[in-house]
Amino acid sequence: MRSMTAARSSSPADRPQPGLRERKKTRTREAIRTATYDLIKEQGYDTTTIDQIAERAEVSPSTVLRYFPAKEDIVLSDEHDPALLEELRARPADEPWPQTVRYVLREAVRTGVEEDPETARIRTRLLAEVPAVRSRMMESMSVTGRMFATAVSERSGLAPDSLEVRVYTMSLVGGLMETAMYWAERDHQGDFPALLDRALDVLQHGPPPQNH
């Protein structure tokens, strides 16, 4: 997920600020990501190599691989899952879970697309067009699924590894992936948050009846 704008349980000033080492690591990760996206825009995904990324980011190839074990990880990496969990926890405890999920995810998607629409389009296009990226994304879904499972468990009282929580959370992250691919396959036409609303409607109520 991209960055969030929903209300948080604490203000940025209340949170511990990262130290010099963490700030340096963040800058390095961002330099690698920026270099990768620039190269992909210039020459495509398949012809972009780790050596080229390292040269553009002004780091060594071993540094790139230390931060990102595979090229696919660079375009799929996301720093915002902890913030997403915080957003979910910050919602009112008596709010129906579907409403909580809809609010938090819609804000995350809307903000991500508005902040960097070009990157959002590149990421989703690669997800739809590059089998290696799609395969890696399916592997990484389990991480986001566990994060959602933690939030669902806290709200519902069910164990995070219960069948009900596992089915719900993986259906949710799978729906997000399919929505992103659907958007990309249609040349990013339409409003992505609106597509997300449609996906969440299906998860909550099932497919609508066919119109005759």
Protein backbone atom coordinates (compact mmCIF):
# COMPACT_ATOMS: atom_id res chain seq x y z
CA MET A 1 0.00 0.00 0.00
CA ARG A 2 0.94 3.56 -0.56
CA SER A 3 0.95 6.33 2.12
CA MET A 4 -2.15 7.10 4.12
CA THR A 5 -4.19 10.17 4.96
CA ALA A 6 -6.70 8.68 7.37
CA ALA A 7 -6.69 9.83 10.99
CA ARG A 8 -3.93 8.26 13.03
CA SER A 9 -3.89 7.44 16.70
CA SER A 10 -0.98 9.80 17.25
CA SER A 11 0.50 12.76 15.48
CA PRO A 12 3.86 12.58 13.68
CA ALA A 13 5.42 14.68 16.43
CA ASP A 14 4.40 12.07 19.00
CA ARG A 15 6.18 9.22 17.24
CA PRO A 16 9.84 8.33 17.69
CA GLN A 17 11.91 9.82 14.91
CA PRO A 18 14.22 7.46 12.99
CA GLY A 19 17.92 7.67 13.74
CA LEU A 20 20.66 8.56 11.29
CA ARG A 21 21.24 4.93 10.32
CA GLU A 22 17.58 4.35 9.53
CA ARG A 23 17.32 7.59 7.57
CA LYS A 24 20.36 6.60 5.50
CA LYS A 25 18.83 3.19 4.77
CA THR A 26 15.57 4.83 3.73
CA ARG A 27 17.39 7.21 1.37
CA THR A 28 19.28 4.29 -0.17
CA ARG A 29 16.09 2.29 -0.71
CA GLU A 30 14.39 5.29 -2.30
CA ALA A 31 17.39 5.94 -4.57
CA ILE A 32 17.28 2.34 -5.77
CA ARG A 33 13.54 2.48 -6.35
CA THR A 34 13.77 5.79 -8.21
CA ALA A 35 16.59 4.49 -10.41
CA THR A 36 14.61 1.37 -11.20
CA TYR A 37 11.46 3.21 -12.22
CA ASP A 38 13.44 5.68 -14.34
CA LEU A 39 15.18 2.86 -16.18
CA ILE A 40 11.94 0.96 -16.71
CA LYS A 41 10.35 4.07 -18.22
CA GLU A 42 13.37 4.53 -20.51
CA GLN A 43 13.97 0.97 -21.71
CA GLY A 44 11.40 -1.41 -20.27
CA TYR A 45 11.42 -3.91 -17.44
CA ASP A 46 13.08 -6.93 -19.01
CA THR A 47 16.15 -5.05 -20.26
CA THR A 48 16.74 -3.26 -16.96
CA THR A 49 19.49 -5.01 -15.00
CA ILE A 50 20.69 -4.90 -11.41
CA ASP A 51 24.02 -3.48 -12.61
CA GLN A 52 22.25 -0.65 -14.41
CA ILE A 53 20.11 0.08 -11.37
CA ALA A 54 23.18 0.17 -9.13
CA GLU A 55 25.01 2.54 -11.47
CA ARG A 56 22.03 4.90 -11.71
CA ALA A 57 21.48 4.84 -7.93
CA GLU A 58 25.22 5.28 -7.30
CA VAL A 59 25.52 2.17 -5.15
CA SER A 60 27.09 -1.24 -5.70
CA PRO A 61 25.14 -4.18 -7.17
CA SER A 62 25.63 -6.00 -3.87
CA THR A 63 23.95 -3.09 -2.08
CA VAL A 64 20.94 -3.32 -4.39
CA LEU A 65 20.64 -7.04 -3.68
CA ARG A 66 21.10 -6.52 0.04
CA TYR A 67 18.07 -4.23 0.10
CA PHE A 68 16.08 -6.09 -2.54
CA PRO A 69 16.84 -9.81 -3.10
CA ALA A 70 15.30 -9.72 -6.60
CA LYS A 71 14.46 -7.09 -9.19
CA GLU A 72 10.77 -7.83 -8.72
CA ASP A 73 11.06 -6.83 -5.06
CA ILE A 74 12.11 -3.31 -6.03
CA VAL A 75 8.88 -2.52 -7.86
CA LEU A 76 6.69 -4.37 -5.36
CA SER A 77 8.29 -3.16 -2.13
CA ASP A 78 6.12 -1.10 0.15
CA GLU A 79 7.09 0.80 3.28
CA HIS A 80 3.54 1.44 4.39
CA ASP A 81 2.17 -1.83 5.74
CA PRO A 82 2.97 -0.84 9.38
CA ALA A 83 1.15 2.46 8.81
CA LEU A 84 -1.79 0.58 7.35
CA LEU A 85 -2.04 -1.60 10.45
CA GLU A 86 -1.92 1.55 12.57
CA GLU A 87 -4.74 3.05 10.52
CA LEU A 88 -6.88 -0.05 10.98
CA ARG A 89 -6.29 -0.01 14.73
CA ALA A 90 -7.13 3.69 14.93
CA ARG A 91 -10.68 3.25 13.66
CA PRO A 92 -13.53 3.14 16.26
CA ALA A 93 -13.78 -0.24 17.98
CA ASP A 94 -17.55 -0.43 17.37
CA GLU A 95 -17.31 0.40 13.67
CA PRO A 96 -18.45 -2.52 11.47
CA TRP A 97 -15.41 -4.24 10.04
CA PRO A 98 -16.43 -3.84 6.34
CA GLN A 99 -16.77 -0.09 6.93
CA THR A 100 -13.33 0.06 8.58
CA VAL A 101 -11.67 -1.80 5.72
CA ARG A 102 -13.42 0.28 3.07
CA TYR A 103 -12.43 3.57 4.68
CA VAL A 104 -8.79 2.69 5.29
CA LEU A 105 -8.13 0.99 1.96
CA ARG A 106 -9.94 3.64 -0.05
CA GLU A 107 -7.88 6.37 1.58
CA ALA A 108 -4.66 4.42 1.01
CA VAL A 109 -5.39 3.78 -2.66
CA ARG A 110 -6.67 7.28 -3.35
CA THR A 111 -3.67 8.93 -1.73
CA GLY A 112 -1.19 6.62 -3.44
CA VAL A 113 -2.60 7.29 -6.89
CA GLU A 114 -2.84 11.04 -6.29
CA GLU A 115 0.67 11.38 -4.84
CA ASP A 116 2.45 9.49 -7.61
CA PRO A 117 0.07 8.46 -10.42
CA GLU A 118 2.88 7.53 -12.80
CA THR A 119 4.45 5.08 -10.36
CA ALA A 120 1.04 3.60 -9.55
CA ARG A 121 0.45 2.97 -13.24
CA ILE A 122 3.89 1.44 -13.79
CA ARG A 123 3.53 -0.90 -10.82
CA THR A 124 0.10 -2.14 -11.81
CA ARG A 125 1.10 -2.49 -15.48
CA LEU A 126 4.09 -4.62 -14.50
CA LEU A 127 1.85 -6.70 -12.26
CA ALA A 128 -0.47 -7.37 -15.19
CA GLU A 129 2.16 -7.87 -17.89
CA VAL A 130 5.25 -9.45 -16.29
CA PRO A 131 4.77 -13.02 -15.01
CA ALA A 132 7.79 -12.78 -12.68
CA VAL A 133 6.36 -9.68 -10.99
CA ARG A 134 2.94 -11.29 -10.66
CA SER A 135 4.44 -14.46 -9.21
CA ARG A 136 6.48 -12.47 -6.71
CA MET A 137 3.40 -10.47 -5.78
CA MET A 138 1.47 -13.63 -5.02
CA GLU A 139 4.29 -14.75 -2.73
CA SER A 140 4.36 -11.41 -0.92
CA MET A 141 0.58 -11.38 -0.42
CA SER A 142 1.07 -13.58 2.63
CA VAL A 143 2.89 -10.73 4.40
CA THR A 144 0.03 -8.29 3.86
CA GLY A 145 -2.41 -11.06 4.72
CA ARG A 146 -0.76 -11.61 8.09
CA MET A 147 -0.90 -7.89 8.78
CA PHE A 148 -4.62 -7.82 8.04
CA ALA A 149 -5.08 -10.98 10.09
CA THR A 150 -3.58 -9.23 13.11
CA ALA A 151 -6.07 -6.37 12.81
CA VAL A 152 -9.04 -8.68 12.20
CA SER A 153 -8.03 -10.82 15.17
CA GLU A 154 -7.78 -7.82 17.49
CA ARG A 155 -11.21 -6.56 16.47
CA SER A 156 -13.05 -9.89 16.33
CA GLY A 157 -11.37 -11.83 19.12
CA LEU A 158 -10.74 -14.73 16.74
CA ALA A 159 -7.28 -16.26 16.54
CA PRO A 160 -5.24 -14.79 13.66
CA ASP A 161 -4.62 -18.30 12.30
CA SER A 162 -8.27 -19.34 12.52
CA LEU A 163 -9.86 -20.51 9.29
CA GLU A 164 -12.33 -17.62 9.29
CA VAL A 165 -9.63 -14.96 9.62
CA ARG A 166 -7.32 -16.62 7.10
CA VAL A 167 -10.04 -16.97 4.47
CA TYR A 168 -11.25 -13.40 4.95
CA THR A 169 -7.85 -11.74 4.88
CA MET A 170 -6.51 -13.67 1.89
CA SER A 171 -9.74 -13.00 0.00
CA LEU A 172 -9.20 -9.33 0.74
CA VAL A 173 -5.60 -9.11 -0.43
CA GLY A 174 -6.40 -11.29 -3.44
CA GLY A 175 -9.21 -8.90 -4.32
CA LEU A 176 -6.83 -5.96 -4.11
CA MET A 177 -4.41 -7.68 -6.48
CA GLU A 178 -7.13 -8.51 -8.99
CA THR A 179 -8.46 -4.94 -8.85
CA ALA A 180 -5.00 -3.56 -9.64
CA MET A 181 -4.62 -5.95 -12.58
CA TYR A 182 -8.11 -5.14 -13.87
CA TRP A 183 -7.27 -1.42 -13.84
CA ALA A 184 -3.98 -1.97 -15.68
CA GLU A 185 -5.48 -4.33 -18.27
CA ARG A 186 -7.91 -1.55 -19.24
CA ASP A 187 -5.15 1.03 -19.76
CA HIS A 188 -5.83 2.58 -16.35
CA GLN A 189 -9.16 3.94 -17.48
CA GLY A 190 -11.59 4.90 -14.75
CA ASP A 191 -11.15 5.76 -11.10
CA PHE A 192 -9.14 3.22 -9.14
CA PRO A 193 -10.79 3.99 -5.76
CA ALA A 194 -14.17 3.44 -7.43
CA LEU A 195 -12.95 0.06 -8.70
CA LEU A 196 -11.84 -0.76 -5.17
CA ASP A 197 -15.34 0.05 -3.92
CA ARG A 198 -16.76 -2.41 -6.45
CA ALA A 199 -14.33 -5.10 -5.33
CA LEU A 200 -15.19 -4.58 -1.68
CA ASP A 201 -18.89 -4.77 -2.53
CA VAL A 202 -18.30 -8.19 -4.08
CA LEU A 203 -16.33 -9.39 -1.05
CA GLN A 204 -19.07 -8.17 1.29
CA HIS A 205 -22.19 -9.20 -0.65
CA GLY A 206 -21.10 -11.53 -3.46
CA PRO A 207 -21.50 -10.85 -7.20
CA PRO A 208 -24.55 -8.79 -8.11
CA PRO A 209 -27.31 -10.47 -10.15
CA GLN A 210 -26.93 -10.20 -13.90
CA ASN A 211 -29.07 -7.49 -15.47
CA HIS A 212 -31.54 -8.73 -18.07
